Each structure stands twice: as structure tokens, then as C-alpha cells.
Amino acid sequence: QELRPKSLDIKQEELGDMVEKEMASTSEAIEDAVRRIEEMMSQARNESSGVKLEVNERILNSCTDLMKAIRLLVTTSTNLQKEIVESGRGAATTQEFYAKNSRWTEGLISASKAVGWGATQLVEAADRVVLHMGKYEELIVCSHEIAASTAQLVAASKVKAEKSSRNLARLQECSRNVNEMAANVVASTKSGQEQIEEKDTMDFSGMSLIKLKKEEMETQVKVLELEKRLEGERVRLGELRKQHYVLAGGCDAAPEDGEAKPAPAPRRGILKKPPIAQKP
């Protein structure tokens, strides 16, 4: 009994109440997330237009679909837990069942917290993106985090569930749906980021004549720099090809005294490029 890990400030008889509270808290967090996304959608329609509005709507719609999938997952997980407790507790009370299976119960609490936290973080990241104060990468990371926490919740629920349980089959289907919706958030975020960056790069409508001239000169400088780099890389590529030709042809390395040896005759049956002409 002393070797068993203790819960953090939670007595075993309180574990059952903690499970119910955490699942209820997770459901509330998801409902609040859906509500906030709807508010962001309305705000985006009022404050943006054109490409930015299109991108924001696409991202927020995918986030809404993900939240609905998570909500269904939490509901199904709650039903499965009730089924597990009813079939496994026997003559014991619900609280006694949770206390007896404290490690499993703690896993459920941790997984539920992770799902609720992930949903909240996703909404906050989406809010910052819509307000042009955040990074698109944050949305992608939050989507991956939700997929991971969902897998944790399913794994925790699956440990004590019957293999033939319908609620378990529904939960696994909900998990696949959450993963699919999370992938949609990632896809809409990436495409939206590319669309916005392309528009911002090529939109010169609001520039003055002086600003346009300055941008033109800076772009000319970049073009010259890139052309110089390109020429240098071409020279490097030529030297690499020379060395490759020498090694592939089996030529001996140049002697240390600087005297070049004649190249050996090509072997029969091997096609070779003609020797590269050297400058005097």
C-alpha cells in the first residue's frame, strides 16, 4: 500500500466525484469553445473582407467541426465509463469501484483534462490568428495536441471495456472522426497561410509613388544578389561534375608536384562524356 503512487491532493474516495466533475468541465469547455468560435465568425464577417474573410471562415468552420466531433467523443466516453462501472462494480458502490481502480480512474481524469485543455488552446490560437496577432503554426500544433489527447482518452476507456461493447465501437469511431477533423484544421490552416502570404506579397495597391520606387530598387538589389548566387552555384556545380567525371573515369589524382598525368584510355563498353576543355 505504501508503494502505490498517491494522487495529487485527491483522496481515493473522491476519485469518482473527480471523474464526473472533469467530464462535466470538459463538456463545458467544449460548449464554450463552440460559442466563442461563433462569435469570432461574426466578428470576422464584420471586420474583414475578400481573401482574409474567406481564409478566416474556412479555418473557423474547420475548428467548429472539430469541436462538434470532440463533444460527441466526450459524450460517448461518458456513456462507456458508466457501462464499465455498472458491469464491473458488482455489489460495490460507484465510489468504491473508482477507489479500487484508482490508477485507471486517474488516467481517465488526466485524459479528460487534456482534451478540455486542448480545445481551449485551439480556440485561443484561432482567435489570435483571426485578429492577425498569432501564428498559423499554433493552430497546427493545437490540432496535433487534440488528436494525441483524444487517443489518450480512448486508450484509458478501452482498458476496462468489453471488446463487444457498442459504446466502445462508437468511441473508436468518434476518435477517428476527431482525427479527421483535426487534419482538416491543419489543411485549412496551411492553405489559408499560403493564400494570405501570397496576397500580402503581391498587393501594391496602397503604396505611394515613392514607396513603390523604393520597393522596386530593393527588389532589383535582391534580383542581382540572387543572380550572383546563381552564377556561383553554377560554377560550383561545374566543378562538382568535373570531379565526378574524374572519379567515375578512374583517373589518378594529380601528383603533388603539379604535373598533370595523361588521362587513361577509356575502358571498352563504357560510354563517357568528352573531356571538358580547359582554359589556357
C-alpha atoms as a PDB file:
ATOM      1  CA  GLN A   1       0.000   0.000   0.000  1.00  0.00           C
ATOM      2  CA  GLU A   2       2.888   2.374   0.761  1.00  0.00           C
ATOM      3  CA  LEU A   3       4.486   1.667  -2.632  1.00  0.00           C
ATOM      4  CA  ARG A   4       1.393   2.636  -4.574  1.00  0.00           C
ATOM      5  CA  PRO A   5       1.639   6.142  -6.079  1.00  0.00           C
ATOM      6  CA  LYS A   6      -0.558   8.684  -4.380  1.00  0.00           C
ATOM      7  CA  SER A   7      -2.892  11.014  -6.288  1.00  0.00           C
ATOM      8  CA  LEU A   8      -2.083  14.695  -6.140  1.00  0.00           C
ATOM      9  CA  ASP A   9      -4.184  16.050  -3.259  1.00  0.00           C
ATOM     10  CA  ILE A  10      -7.051  13.665  -4.133  1.00  0.00           C
ATOM     11  CA  LYS A  11      -8.359  11.053  -1.731  1.00  0.00           C
ATOM     12  CA  GLN A  12      -9.409   7.739  -3.208  1.00  0.00           C
ATOM     13  CA  GLU A  13     -12.997   8.147  -2.068  1.00  0.00           C
ATOM     14  CA  GLU A  14     -13.117  11.432  -4.004  1.00  0.00           C
ATOM     15  CA  LEU A  15     -11.915   9.937  -7.314  1.00  0.00           C
ATOM     16  CA  GLY A  16     -15.417   9.069  -8.513  1.00  0.00           C
ATOM     17  CA  ASP A  17     -16.598  12.627  -7.988  1.00  0.00           C
ATOM     18  CA  MET A  18     -13.462  13.903  -9.740  1.00  0.00           C
ATOM     19  CA  VAL A  19     -14.218  11.832 -12.853  1.00  0.00           C
ATOM     20  CA  GLU A  20     -17.726  13.220 -13.131  1.00  0.00           C
ATOM     21  CA  LYS A  21     -16.538  16.769 -12.456  1.00  0.00           C
ATOM     22  CA  GLU A  22     -13.763  16.584 -15.040  1.00  0.00           C
ATOM     23  CA  MET A  23     -16.026  15.149 -17.737  1.00  0.00           C
ATOM     24  CA  ALA A  24     -18.604  17.855 -16.996  1.00  0.00           C
ATOM     25  CA  SER A  25     -15.865  20.506 -17.028  1.00  0.00           C
ATOM     26  CA  THR A  26     -14.575  19.200 -20.362  1.00  0.00           C
ATOM     27  CA  SER A  27     -18.078  19.340 -21.849  1.00  0.00           C
ATOM     28  CA  GLU A  28     -18.481  22.920 -20.623  1.00  0.00           C
ATOM     29  CA  ALA A  29     -15.105  23.888 -22.089  1.00  0.00           C
ATOM     30  CA  ILE A  30     -16.108  22.492 -25.487  1.00  0.00           C
ATOM     31  CA  GLU A  31     -19.515  24.218 -25.406  1.00  0.00           C
ATOM     32  CA  ASP A  32     -17.749  27.474 -24.550  1.00  0.00           C
ATOM     33  CA  ALA A  33     -15.281  26.877 -27.394  1.00  0.00           C
ATOM     34  CA  VAL A  34     -18.113  26.431 -29.906  1.00  0.00           C
ATOM     35  CA  ARG A  35     -19.739  29.616 -28.632  1.00  0.00           C
ATOM     36  CA  ARG A  36     -16.511  31.595 -28.911  1.00  0.00           C
ATOM     37  CA  ILE A  37     -15.887  30.355 -32.443  1.00  0.00           C
ATOM     38  CA  GLU A  38     -19.364  31.533 -33.484  1.00  0.00           C
ATOM     39  CA  GLU A  39     -18.583  34.966 -32.007  1.00  0.00           C
ATOM     40  CA  MET A  40     -15.266  35.060 -33.882  1.00  0.00           C
ATOM     41  CA  MET A  41     -17.053  34.159 -37.103  1.00  0.00           C
ATOM     42  CA  SER A  42     -19.475  37.053 -36.673  1.00  0.00           C
ATOM     43  CA  GLN A  43     -16.631  39.438 -35.839  1.00  0.00           C
ATOM     44  CA  ALA A  44     -14.591  38.298 -38.848  1.00  0.00           C
ATOM     45  CA  ARG A  45     -17.513  38.969 -41.191  1.00  0.00           C
ATOM     46  CA  ASN A  46     -17.853  42.486 -39.830  1.00  0.00           C
ATOM     47  CA  GLU A  47     -14.166  43.423 -39.780  1.00  0.00           C
ATOM     48  CA  SER A  48     -12.638  41.637 -42.785  1.00  0.00           C
ATOM     49  CA  SER A  49     -13.434  41.024 -46.419  1.00  0.00           C
ATOM     50  CA  GLY A  50     -12.093  39.394 -49.564  1.00  0.00           C
ATOM     51  CA  VAL A  51      -9.329  36.837 -49.194  1.00  0.00           C
ATOM     52  CA  LYS A  52      -8.877  37.347 -45.445  1.00  0.00           C
ATOM     53  CA  LEU A  53     -12.571  36.755 -44.780  1.00  0.00           C
ATOM     54  CA  GLU A  54     -12.520  33.634 -46.942  1.00  0.00           C
ATOM     55  CA  VAL A  55      -9.481  32.258 -45.096  1.00  0.00           C
ATOM     56  CA  ASN A  56     -10.891  33.094 -41.648  1.00  0.00           C
ATOM     57  CA  GLU A  57     -14.233  31.460 -42.429  1.00  0.00           C
ATOM     58  CA  ARG A  58     -12.561  28.317 -43.728  1.00  0.00           C
ATOM     59  CA  ILE A  59     -10.362  27.982 -40.635  1.00  0.00           C
ATOM     60  CA  LEU A  60     -13.165  28.737 -38.170  1.00  0.00           C
ATOM     61  CA  ASN A  61     -15.554  26.317 -39.905  1.00  0.00           C
ATOM     62  CA  SER A  62     -12.973  23.534 -39.632  1.00  0.00           C
ATOM     63  CA  CYS A  63     -12.452  24.409 -35.933  1.00  0.00           C
ATOM     64  CA  THR A  64     -16.237  24.237 -35.365  1.00  0.00           C
ATOM     65  CA  ASP A  65     -16.401  20.798 -36.984  1.00  0.00           C
ATOM     66  CA  LEU A  66     -13.543  19.654 -34.754  1.00  0.00           C
ATOM     67  CA  MET A  67     -15.285  20.915 -31.601  1.00  0.00           C
ATOM     68  CA  LYS A  68     -18.503  19.099 -32.537  1.00  0.00           C
ATOM     69  CA  ALA A  69     -16.516  15.900 -33.073  1.00  0.00           C
ATOM     70  CA  ILE A  70     -14.852  16.300 -29.657  1.00  0.00           C
ATOM     71  CA  ARG A  71     -18.218  16.965 -27.990  1.00  0.00           C
ATOM     72  CA  LEU A  72     -19.609  13.711 -29.391  1.00  0.00           C
ATOM     73  CA  LEU A  73     -16.450  11.883 -28.299  1.00  0.00           C
ATOM     74  CA  VAL A  74     -16.770  13.129 -24.698  1.00  0.00           C
ATOM     75  CA  THR A  75     -20.456  12.157 -24.561  1.00  0.00           C
ATOM     76  CA  THR A  76     -19.706   8.660 -25.886  1.00  0.00           C
ATOM     77  CA  SER A  77     -16.774   8.294 -23.485  1.00  0.00           C
ATOM     78  CA  THR A  78     -19.041   9.209 -20.544  1.00  0.00           C
ATOM     79  CA  ASN A  79     -21.575   6.564 -21.597  1.00  0.00           C
ATOM     80  CA  LEU A  80     -18.840   3.954 -21.899  1.00  0.00           C
ATOM     81  CA  GLN A  81     -17.490   4.761 -18.447  1.00  0.00           C
ATOM     82  CA  LYS A  82     -20.945   4.329 -16.921  1.00  0.00           C
ATOM     83  CA  GLU A  83     -21.233   0.974 -18.684  1.00  0.00           C
ATOM     84  CA  ILE A  84     -17.819  -0.106 -17.367  1.00  0.00           C
ATOM     85  CA  VAL A  85     -18.685   0.880 -13.805  1.00  0.00           C
ATOM     86  CA  GLU A  86     -22.085  -0.814 -13.883  1.00  0.00           C
ATOM     87  CA  SER A  87     -20.704  -4.087 -15.246  1.00  0.00           C
ATOM     88  CA  GLY A  88     -17.606  -4.178 -13.018  1.00  0.00           C
ATOM     89  CA  ARG A  89     -18.588  -2.899  -9.615  1.00  0.00           C
ATOM     90  CA  GLY A  90     -20.782  -5.860  -8.578  1.00  0.00           C
ATOM     91  CA  ALA A  91     -22.145  -5.215  -5.093  1.00  0.00           C
ATOM     92  CA  ALA A  92     -19.787  -2.283  -4.529  1.00  0.00           C
ATOM     93  CA  THR A  93     -20.829   1.324  -4.909  1.00  0.00           C
ATOM     94  CA  THR A  94     -19.650   3.537  -7.774  1.00  0.00           C
ATOM     95  CA  GLN A  95     -17.272   5.363  -5.444  1.00  0.00           C
ATOM     96  CA  GLU A  96     -15.800   2.080  -4.215  1.00  0.00           C
ATOM     97  CA  PHE A  97     -15.259   0.905  -7.814  1.00  0.00           C
ATOM     98  CA  TYR A  98     -13.366   4.081  -8.701  1.00  0.00           C
ATOM     99  CA  ALA A  99     -11.315   3.860  -5.490  1.00  0.00           C
ATOM    100  CA  LYS A 100     -10.482   0.204  -6.135  1.00  0.00           C
ATOM    101  CA  ASN A 101      -9.359   1.044  -9.677  1.00  0.00           C
ATOM    102  CA  SER A 102      -7.638   4.284  -8.741  1.00  0.00           C
ATOM    103  CA  ARG A 103      -4.872   4.134 -11.371  1.00  0.00           C
ATOM    104  CA  TRP A 104      -7.411   3.662 -14.160  1.00  0.00           C
ATOM    105  CA  THR A 105      -9.559   6.453 -12.723  1.00  0.00           C
ATOM    106  CA  GLU A 106      -6.596   8.814 -12.559  1.00  0.00           C
ATOM    107  CA  GLY A 107      -5.874   8.018 -16.220  1.00  0.00           C
ATOM    108  CA  LEU A 108      -9.435   8.995 -17.165  1.00  0.00           C
ATOM    109  CA  ILE A 109      -9.159  12.262 -15.233  1.00  0.00           C
ATOM    110  CA  SER A 110      -5.827  13.119 -16.870  1.00  0.00           C
ATOM    111  CA  ALA A 111      -7.123  12.310 -20.371  1.00  0.00           C
ATOM    112  CA  SER A 112     -10.290  14.327 -19.868  1.00  0.00           C
ATOM    113  CA  LYS A 113      -8.292  17.329 -18.668  1.00  0.00           C
ATOM    114  CA  ALA A 114      -6.010  17.045 -21.710  1.00  0.00           C
ATOM    115  CA  VAL A 115      -8.959  17.070 -24.127  1.00  0.00           C
ATOM    116  CA  GLY A 116     -10.564  20.106 -22.490  1.00  0.00           C
ATOM    117  CA  TRP A 117      -7.265  21.978 -22.330  1.00  0.00           C
ATOM    118  CA  GLY A 118      -6.527  21.215 -25.978  1.00  0.00           C
ATOM    119  CA  ALA A 119      -9.924  22.556 -27.056  1.00  0.00           C
ATOM    120  CA  THR A 120      -9.378  25.776 -25.118  1.00  0.00           C
ATOM    121  CA  GLN A 121      -5.910  26.278 -26.560  1.00  0.00           C
ATOM    122  CA  LEU A 122      -7.201  25.710 -30.097  1.00  0.00           C
ATOM    123  CA  VAL A 123      -9.856  28.402 -29.713  1.00  0.00           C
ATOM    124  CA  GLU A 124      -7.365  30.890 -28.274  1.00  0.00           C
ATOM    125  CA  ALA A 125      -4.953  30.197 -31.149  1.00  0.00           C
ATOM    126  CA  ALA A 126      -7.782  30.632 -33.686  1.00  0.00           C
ATOM    127  CA  ASP A 127      -8.763  33.924 -32.047  1.00  0.00           C
ATOM    128  CA  ARG A 128      -5.218  35.266 -32.357  1.00  0.00           C
ATOM    129  CA  VAL A 129      -4.998  34.171 -35.995  1.00  0.00           C
ATOM    130  CA  VAL A 130      -8.285  35.869 -36.907  1.00  0.00           C
ATOM    131  CA  LEU A 131      -7.102  39.060 -35.207  1.00  0.00           C
ATOM    132  CA  HIS A 132      -3.748  38.781 -37.077  1.00  0.00           C
ATOM    133  CA  MET A 133      -1.904  38.631 -33.747  1.00  0.00           C
ATOM    134  CA  GLY A 134      -0.977  34.953 -33.740  1.00  0.00           C
ATOM    135  CA  LYS A 135       0.801  32.342 -35.808  1.00  0.00           C
ATOM    136  CA  TYR A 136      -0.800  29.779 -38.058  1.00  0.00           C
ATOM    137  CA  GLU A 137       1.646  27.210 -36.715  1.00  0.00           C
ATOM    138  CA  GLU A 138      -0.039  27.465 -33.286  1.00  0.00           C
ATOM    139  CA  LEU A 139      -3.287  26.162 -34.765  1.00  0.00           C
ATOM    140  CA  ILE A 140      -1.477  23.240 -36.349  1.00  0.00           C
ATOM    141  CA  VAL A 141       0.257  22.316 -33.081  1.00  0.00           C
ATOM    142  CA  CYS A 142      -3.037  22.553 -31.145  1.00  0.00           C
ATOM    143  CA  SER A 143      -4.728  20.256 -33.666  1.00  0.00           C
ATOM    144  CA  HIS A 144      -1.994  17.643 -33.213  1.00  0.00           C
ATOM    145  CA  GLU A 145      -2.293  18.022 -29.435  1.00  0.00           C
ATOM    146  CA  ILE A 146      -6.046  17.391 -29.554  1.00  0.00           C
ATOM    147  CA  ALA A 147      -5.544  14.264 -31.665  1.00  0.00           C
ATOM    148  CA  ALA A 148      -2.991  12.983 -29.117  1.00  0.00           C
ATOM    149  CA  SER A 149      -5.194  13.698 -26.072  1.00  0.00           C
ATOM    150  CA  THR A 150      -8.143  12.041 -27.822  1.00  0.00           C
ATOM    151  CA  ALA A 151      -6.068   8.902 -28.330  1.00  0.00           C
ATOM    152  CA  GLN A 152      -5.186   9.033 -24.610  1.00  0.00           C
ATOM    153  CA  LEU A 153      -8.861   9.218 -23.622  1.00  0.00           C
ATOM    154  CA  VAL A 154      -9.795   6.300 -25.894  1.00  0.00           C
ATOM    155  CA  ALA A 155      -6.908   4.204 -24.575  1.00  0.00           C
ATOM    156  CA  ALA A 156      -7.905   4.910 -20.962  1.00  0.00           C
ATOM    157  CA  SER A 157     -11.524   3.985 -21.668  1.00  0.00           C
ATOM    158  CA  LYS A 158     -10.598   0.872 -23.646  1.00  0.00           C
ATOM    159  CA  VAL A 159      -8.607  -0.716 -20.816  1.00  0.00           C
ATOM    160  CA  LYS A 160     -11.649  -1.989 -18.877  1.00  0.00           C
ATOM    161  CA  ALA A 161     -14.280  -2.025 -21.621  1.00  0.00           C
ATOM    162  CA  GLU A 162     -15.674  -5.230 -23.103  1.00  0.00           C
ATOM    163  CA  LYS A 163     -14.438  -5.859 -26.638  1.00  0.00           C
ATOM    164  CA  SER A 164     -18.003  -6.395 -27.838  1.00  0.00           C
ATOM    165  CA  SER A 165     -19.252  -3.137 -26.280  1.00  0.00           C
ATOM    166  CA  ARG A 166     -21.226  -0.950 -28.666  1.00  0.00           C
ATOM    167  CA  ASN A 167     -20.186   2.151 -26.770  1.00  0.00           C
ATOM    168  CA  LEU A 168     -16.530   1.188 -27.286  1.00  0.00           C
ATOM    169  CA  ALA A 169     -17.105   0.803 -31.033  1.00  0.00           C
ATOM    170  CA  ARG A 170     -18.829   4.202 -31.088  1.00  0.00           C
ATOM    171  CA  LEU A 171     -15.955   5.747 -29.122  1.00  0.00           C
ATOM    172  CA  GLN A 172     -13.384   4.414 -31.575  1.00  0.00           C
ATOM    173  CA  GLU A 173     -15.443   5.758 -34.466  1.00  0.00           C
ATOM    174  CA  CYS A 174     -15.637   9.151 -32.713  1.00  0.00           C
ATOM    175  CA  SER A 175     -11.863   9.084 -32.253  1.00  0.00           C
ATOM    176  CA  ARG A 176     -11.312   8.511 -35.972  1.00  0.00           C
ATOM    177  CA  ASN A 177     -13.699  11.369 -36.717  1.00  0.00           C
ATOM    178  CA  VAL A 178     -11.790  13.693 -34.371  1.00  0.00           C
ATOM    179  CA  ASN A 179      -8.515  12.806 -36.099  1.00  0.00           C
ATOM    180  CA  GLU A 180     -10.087  13.514 -39.479  1.00  0.00           C
ATOM    181  CA  MET A 181     -11.457  16.881 -38.330  1.00  0.00           C
ATOM    182  CA  ALA A 182      -8.091  17.793 -36.779  1.00  0.00           C
ATOM    183  CA  ALA A 183      -6.422  17.002 -40.118  1.00  0.00           C
ATOM    184  CA  ASN A 184      -8.958  19.301 -41.813  1.00  0.00           C
ATOM    185  CA  VAL A 185      -7.974  22.131 -39.450  1.00  0.00           C
ATOM    186  CA  VAL A 186      -4.321  21.603 -40.344  1.00  0.00           C
ATOM    187  CA  ALA A 187      -5.096  21.556 -44.082  1.00  0.00           C
ATOM    188  CA  SER A 188      -7.291  24.686 -43.995  1.00  0.00           C
ATOM    189  CA  THR A 189      -4.695  26.486 -41.873  1.00  0.00           C
ATOM    190  CA  LYS A 190      -1.826  25.694 -44.240  1.00  0.00           C
ATOM    191  CA  SER A 191      -3.772  26.644 -47.373  1.00  0.00           C
ATOM    192  CA  GLY A 192      -5.016  29.834 -45.726  1.00  0.00           C
ATOM    193  CA  GLN A 193      -1.498  30.791 -44.665  1.00  0.00           C
ATOM    194  CA  GLU A 194      -0.212  30.348 -48.221  1.00  0.00           C
ATOM    195  CA  GLN A 195      -3.134  32.361 -49.620  1.00  0.00           C
ATOM    196  CA  ILE A 196      -2.626  35.255 -47.196  1.00  0.00           C
ATOM    197  CA  GLU A 197       1.146  35.363 -47.645  1.00  0.00           C
ATOM    198  CA  GLU A 198       0.800  35.376 -51.435  1.00  0.00           C
ATOM    199  CA  LYS A 199      -1.737  38.215 -51.307  1.00  0.00           C
ATOM    200  CA  ASP A 200       0.365  40.290 -48.874  1.00  0.00           C
ATOM    201  CA  THR A 201       3.454  39.826 -51.052  1.00  0.00           C
ATOM    202  CA  MET A 202       1.816  40.951 -54.310  1.00  0.00           C
ATOM    203  CA  ASP A 203      -0.614  43.629 -53.096  1.00  0.00           C
ATOM    204  CA  PHE A 204       0.807  47.045 -54.082  1.00  0.00           C
ATOM    205  CA  SER A 205      -2.485  48.946 -54.345  1.00  0.00           C
ATOM    206  CA  GLY A 206      -1.972  51.003 -51.184  1.00  0.00           C
ATOM    207  CA  MET A 207       1.592  52.186 -51.949  1.00  0.00           C
ATOM    208  CA  SER A 208       2.587  55.720 -52.851  1.00  0.00           C
ATOM    209  CA  LEU A 209       4.864  56.558 -55.800  1.00  0.00           C
ATOM    210  CA  ILE A 210       7.911  56.971 -53.544  1.00  0.00           C
ATOM    211  CA  LYS A 211       7.170  53.737 -51.701  1.00  0.00           C
ATOM    212  CA  LEU A 212       6.768  51.884 -54.999  1.00  0.00           C
ATOM    213  CA  LYS A 213      10.103  53.235 -56.255  1.00  0.00           C
ATOM    214  CA  LYS A 214      11.836  52.194 -53.059  1.00  0.00           C
ATOM    215  CA  GLU A 215      10.338  48.693 -53.248  1.00  0.00           C
ATOM    216  CA  GLU A 216      11.381  48.469 -56.898  1.00  0.00           C
ATOM    217  CA  MET A 217      15.009  49.343 -56.062  1.00  0.00           C
ATOM    218  CA  GLU A 218      15.115  46.878 -53.158  1.00  0.00           C
ATOM    219  CA  THR A 219      13.724  44.157 -55.406  1.00  0.00           C
ATOM    220  CA  GLN A 220      16.366  44.941 -58.067  1.00  0.00           C
ATOM    221  CA  VAL A 221      19.073  44.564 -55.409  1.00  0.00           C
ATOM    222  CA  LYS A 222      17.615  41.168 -54.393  1.00  0.00           C
ATOM    223  CA  VAL A 223      17.495  40.079 -58.050  1.00  0.00           C
ATOM    224  CA  LEU A 224      21.194  40.976 -58.525  1.00  0.00           C
ATOM    225  CA  GLU A 225      22.127  39.167 -55.321  1.00  0.00           C
ATOM    226  CA  LEU A 226      20.221  36.075 -56.400  1.00  0.00           C
ATOM    227  CA  GLU A 227      21.769  36.191 -59.872  1.00  0.00           C
ATOM    228  CA  LYS A 228      25.243  36.339 -58.296  1.00  0.00           C
ATOM    229  CA  ARG A 229      24.418  33.409 -56.038  1.00  0.00           C
ATOM    230  CA  LEU A 230      23.022  31.509 -59.014  1.00  0.00           C
ATOM    231  CA  GLU A 231      26.223  32.076 -61.012  1.00  0.00           C
ATOM    232  CA  GLY A 232      28.313  30.935 -58.068  1.00  0.00           C
ATOM    233  CA  GLU A 233      26.222  27.791 -57.668  1.00  0.00           C
ATOM    234  CA  ARG A 234      26.584  27.066 -61.399  1.00  0.00           C
ATOM    235  CA  VAL A 235      30.372  27.304 -61.095  1.00  0.00           C
ATOM    236  CA  ARG A 236      30.226  25.012 -58.059  1.00  0.00           C
ATOM    237  CA  LEU A 237      28.047  22.559 -59.983  1.00  0.00           C
ATOM    238  CA  GLY A 238      30.559  22.569 -62.867  1.00  0.00           C
ATOM    239  CA  GLU A 239      33.440  21.790 -60.512  1.00  0.00           C
ATOM    240  CA  LEU A 240      31.439  19.013 -58.855  1.00  0.00           C
ATOM    241  CA  ARG A 241      30.716  17.499 -62.267  1.00  0.00           C
ATOM    242  CA  LYS A 242      34.408  17.682 -63.193  1.00  0.00           C
ATOM    243  CA  GLN A 243      35.372  15.843 -60.043  1.00  0.00           C
ATOM    244  CA  HIS A 244      32.601  13.324 -60.570  1.00  0.00           C
ATOM    245  CA  TYR A 245      33.856  12.743 -64.122  1.00  0.00           C
ATOM    246  CA  VAL A 246      37.413  12.177 -62.867  1.00  0.00           C
ATOM    247  CA  LEU A 247      36.358   9.747 -60.131  1.00  0.00           C
ATOM    248  CA  ALA A 248      33.894   7.886 -62.348  1.00  0.00           C
ATOM    249  CA  GLY A 249      36.567   7.519 -65.060  1.00  0.00           C
ATOM    250  CA  GLY A 250      39.078   6.011 -62.657  1.00  0.00           C
ATOM    251  CA  CYS A 251      41.676   8.761 -63.227  1.00  0.00           C
ATOM    252  CA  ASP A 252      44.603   9.026 -60.903  1.00  0.00           C
ATOM    253  CA  ALA A 253      44.759  12.081 -58.721  1.00  0.00           C
ATOM    254  CA  ALA A 254      47.042  14.881 -59.814  1.00  0.00           C
ATOM    255  CA  PRO A 255      50.608  14.496 -58.498  1.00  0.00           C
ATOM    256  CA  GLU A 256      51.842  16.743 -55.738  1.00  0.00           C
ATOM    257  CA  ASP A 257      54.434  18.496 -57.950  1.00  0.00           C
ATOM    258  CA  GLY A 258      51.622  19.893 -60.079  1.00  0.00           C
ATOM    259  CA  GLU A 259      52.445  17.921 -63.272  1.00  0.00           C
ATOM    260  CA  ALA A 260      49.302  16.553 -64.814  1.00  0.00           C
ATOM    261  CA  LYS A 261      49.264  12.911 -65.861  1.00  0.00           C
ATOM    262  CA  PRO A 262      47.657  11.916 -69.131  1.00  0.00           C
ATOM    263  CA  ALA A 263      44.199  10.536 -68.772  1.00  0.00           C
ATOM    264  CA  PRO A 264      43.993   6.769 -69.261  1.00  0.00           C
ATOM    265  CA  ALA A 265      42.210   5.372 -72.284  1.00  0.00           C
ATOM    266  CA  PRO A 266      38.531   4.733 -71.686  1.00  0.00           C
ATOM    267  CA  ARG A 267      37.503   1.170 -70.975  1.00  0.00           C
ATOM    268  CA  ARG A 268      35.571  -0.725 -73.577  1.00  0.00           C
ATOM    269  CA  GLY A 269      31.833  -0.891 -73.161  1.00  0.00           C
ATOM    270  CA  ILE A 270      31.695   2.278 -71.013  1.00  0.00           C
ATOM    271  CA  LEU A 271      30.258   5.412 -72.547  1.00  0.00           C
ATOM    272  CA  LYS A 272      31.837   8.630 -71.313  1.00  0.00           C
ATOM    273  CA  LYS A 273      31.359  12.321 -71.750  1.00  0.00           C
ATOM    274  CA  PRO A 274      34.026  14.043 -73.841  1.00  0.00           C
ATOM    275  CA  PRO A 275      36.765  15.705 -71.763  1.00  0.00           C
ATOM    276  CA  ILE A 276      35.946  19.240 -70.639  1.00  0.00           C
ATOM    277  CA  ALA A 277      38.070  21.850 -72.366  1.00  0.00           C
ATOM    278  CA  GLN A 278      40.421  23.671 -70.022  1.00  0.00           C
ATOM    279  CA  LYS A 279      41.195  27.351 -70.219  1.00  0.00           C
ATOM    280  CA  PRO A 280      44.868  28.198 -71.018  1.00  0.00           C
END
